[in-house]
Amino acid sequence: MTTGENKRKHLQMIQDVITRMGGNSFLLKGWSISLVTGITGFAVTANNEKDKASLLLVAMALIIVFWLVDSYYLSQERSYRDLYKKTASKTEEEVDFSMDATEFCTESKNSWFESAYSKPFLAFYAPAFIILTFVCSQIIGINIYLK
């Protein structure tokens, strides 16, 4: 093989995983908005209060579930980015084609918790949850007075 070919192939393998994680995150956001909007629409048209409340609670639970799953993908993506950096700094002889990024999962910025509270997720999921809480309170009849 030519000089650096193993390193390039290994970096490409890692980059493919990172790209797949990013794509999964994008799909999760799309599905979360679609499902939550659909369920909220059904809740608005439901005939009794019990059905409305049940559907809105399901929608709120879905937001939380999608938030957590998306956070998992981000934490994994961050770990693979660190693996990419480590691999990029290796020499051709040190390349071992390892795809094990678990050593980077223990870093605080790669944790599931840190990923859940990253700025993009707070900007996407928190407003969705707050808006749904407000809609829920208005539809069910719980008055919330914002000052």
Protein backbone atom coordinates (compact mmCIF):
# COMPACT_ATOMS: atom_id res chain seq x y z
CA MET A 1 0.00 0.00 0.00
CA THR A 2 1.05 3.55 -0.50
CA THR A 3 2.30 5.63 2.37
CA GLY A 4 -0.53 6.72 4.64
CA GLU A 5 -3.17 4.54 2.96
CA ASN A 6 -4.01 2.61 6.15
CA LYS A 7 -4.36 5.81 8.10
CA ARG A 8 -6.64 7.33 5.46
CA LYS A 9 -8.85 4.24 5.40
CA HIS A 10 -9.11 4.15 9.17
CA LEU A 11 -9.97 7.84 9.34
CA GLN A 12 -12.61 7.33 6.64
CA MET A 13 -14.15 4.47 8.65
CA ILE A 14 -14.38 6.70 11.71
CA GLN A 15 -15.76 9.59 9.66
CA ASP A 16 -18.47 7.30 8.27
CA VAL A 17 -19.60 6.48 11.83
CA ILE A 18 -19.64 10.19 12.75
CA THR A 19 -21.70 10.98 9.64
CA ARG A 20 -24.16 8.19 10.47
CA MET A 21 -24.58 9.51 14.03
CA GLY A 22 -25.27 13.00 12.70
CA GLY A 23 -27.82 11.63 10.25
CA ASN A 24 -29.57 9.71 13.02
CA SER A 25 -29.76 12.86 15.11
CA PHE A 26 -31.30 14.75 12.21
CA LEU A 27 -33.90 12.02 11.67
CA LEU A 28 -34.77 11.94 15.37
CA LYS A 29 -35.49 15.66 15.39
CA GLY A 30 -37.75 15.29 12.37
CA TRP A 31 -39.62 12.35 13.84
CA SER A 32 -40.01 14.05 17.20
CA ILE A 33 -41.61 17.16 15.71
CA SER A 34 -43.85 15.10 13.41
CA LEU A 35 -45.11 12.74 16.09
CA VAL A 36 -45.55 15.39 18.77
CA THR A 37 -47.41 17.67 16.37
CA GLY A 38 -49.66 14.83 15.22
CA ILE A 39 -50.46 13.65 18.73
CA THR A 40 -51.10 17.24 19.86
CA GLY A 41 -53.48 17.66 16.92
CA PHE A 42 -55.38 14.56 17.96
CA ALA A 43 -55.48 15.85 21.54
CA VAL A 44 -57.00 19.15 20.44
CA THR A 45 -59.79 17.34 18.58
CA ALA A 46 -60.46 14.73 21.29
CA ASN A 47 -63.95 14.76 22.75
CA ASN A 48 -63.30 14.36 26.46
CA GLU A 49 -60.77 15.77 28.88
CA LYS A 50 -59.34 12.39 29.84
CA ASP A 51 -58.38 11.61 26.22
CA LYS A 52 -56.90 15.09 25.76
CA ALA A 53 -54.81 14.77 28.91
CA SER A 54 -53.63 11.26 28.00
CA LEU A 55 -52.58 12.26 24.48
CA LEU A 56 -50.76 15.37 25.67
CA LEU A 57 -48.89 13.39 28.33
CA VAL A 58 -47.85 10.89 25.64
CA ALA A 59 -46.58 13.79 23.51
CA MET A 60 -44.60 15.18 26.45
CA ALA A 61 -43.13 11.74 27.17
CA LEU A 62 -42.14 11.42 23.50
CA ILE A 63 -40.25 14.71 23.64
CA ILE A 64 -38.29 13.44 26.64
CA VAL A 65 -37.59 10.06 25.01
CA PHE A 66 -36.42 11.64 21.75
CA TRP A 67 -34.29 14.11 23.73
CA LEU A 68 -32.57 11.27 25.59
CA VAL A 69 -32.00 9.12 22.49
CA ASP A 70 -30.67 12.11 20.55
CA SER A 71 -28.37 12.87 23.49
CA TYR A 72 -27.03 9.33 23.32
CA TYR A 73 -26.19 9.74 19.63
CA LEU A 74 -24.45 13.05 20.32
CA SER A 75 -22.38 11.53 23.13
CA GLN A 76 -21.33 8.70 20.81
CA GLU A 77 -20.55 11.15 18.00
CA ARG A 78 -18.34 13.19 20.32
CA SER A 79 -16.48 10.05 21.39
CA TYR A 80 -15.83 9.11 17.77
CA ARG A 81 -14.61 12.63 17.03
CA ASP A 82 -12.04 12.16 19.80
CA LEU A 83 -11.09 8.77 18.33
CA TYR A 84 -10.66 10.52 14.97
CA LYS A 85 -8.31 13.08 16.54
CA LYS A 86 -6.30 10.33 18.24
CA THR A 87 -6.05 8.32 15.00
CA ALA A 88 -5.07 11.41 13.01
CA SER A 89 -2.13 11.96 15.35
CA LYS A 90 -0.83 8.38 14.91
CA THR A 91 1.88 7.35 12.51
CA GLU A 92 1.18 4.89 9.70
CA GLU A 93 2.77 2.05 11.70
CA GLU A 94 0.56 2.74 14.75
CA VAL A 95 -2.73 2.43 12.85
CA ASP A 96 -4.64 -0.57 14.25
CA PHE A 97 -8.11 -0.02 12.68
CA SER A 98 -9.70 0.00 16.11
CA MET A 99 -13.22 1.45 16.20
CA ASP A 100 -13.44 1.26 19.99
CA ALA A 101 -14.27 4.74 21.29
CA THR A 102 -15.16 3.66 24.83
CA GLU A 103 -12.02 5.24 26.27
CA PHE A 104 -13.44 8.64 25.32
CA CYS A 105 -16.93 8.01 26.73
CA THR A 106 -15.75 8.73 30.26
CA GLU A 107 -14.76 12.29 29.41
CA SER A 108 -17.29 14.75 30.81
CA LYS A 109 -18.00 16.48 27.50
CA ASN A 110 -18.84 13.09 25.96
CA SER A 111 -21.23 11.99 28.69
CA TRP A 112 -24.88 11.42 28.03
CA PHE A 113 -25.81 14.07 30.61
CA GLU A 114 -23.56 16.76 29.10
CA SER A 115 -24.89 15.96 25.66
CA ALA A 116 -28.50 16.31 26.84
CA TYR A 117 -27.78 19.82 28.08
CA SER A 118 -25.79 20.98 25.09
CA LYS A 119 -26.89 24.30 23.59
CA PRO A 120 -28.40 22.88 20.38
CA PHE A 121 -30.54 20.43 22.32
CA LEU A 122 -31.64 23.02 24.84
CA ALA A 123 -32.58 25.29 21.94
CA PHE A 124 -34.59 22.53 20.22
CA TYR A 125 -36.16 20.25 22.84
CA ALA A 126 -36.64 22.60 25.80
CA PRO A 127 -38.84 25.09 23.88
CA ALA A 128 -40.83 22.19 22.41
CA PHE A 129 -41.41 20.82 25.91
CA ILE A 130 -42.30 24.26 27.32
CA ILE A 131 -44.71 25.02 24.47
CA LEU A 132 -46.35 21.64 24.85
CA THR A 133 -46.67 22.20 28.60
CA PHE A 134 -48.37 25.53 27.92
CA VAL A 135 -50.70 23.96 25.31
CA CYS A 136 -51.45 21.15 27.73
CA SER A 137 -52.31 23.59 30.51
CA GLN A 138 -54.61 25.58 28.23
CA ILE A 139 -56.41 22.61 26.71
CA ILE A 140 -56.95 20.76 29.97
CA GLY A 141 -58.01 23.97 31.65
CA ILE A 142 -55.19 24.55 34.08
CA ASN A 143 -54.53 28.26 34.16
CA ILE A 144 -50.92 29.36 34.26
CA TYR A 145 -50.40 33.05 34.65
CA LEU A 146 -47.08 34.26 33.33
CA LYS A 147 -45.90 37.57 34.70
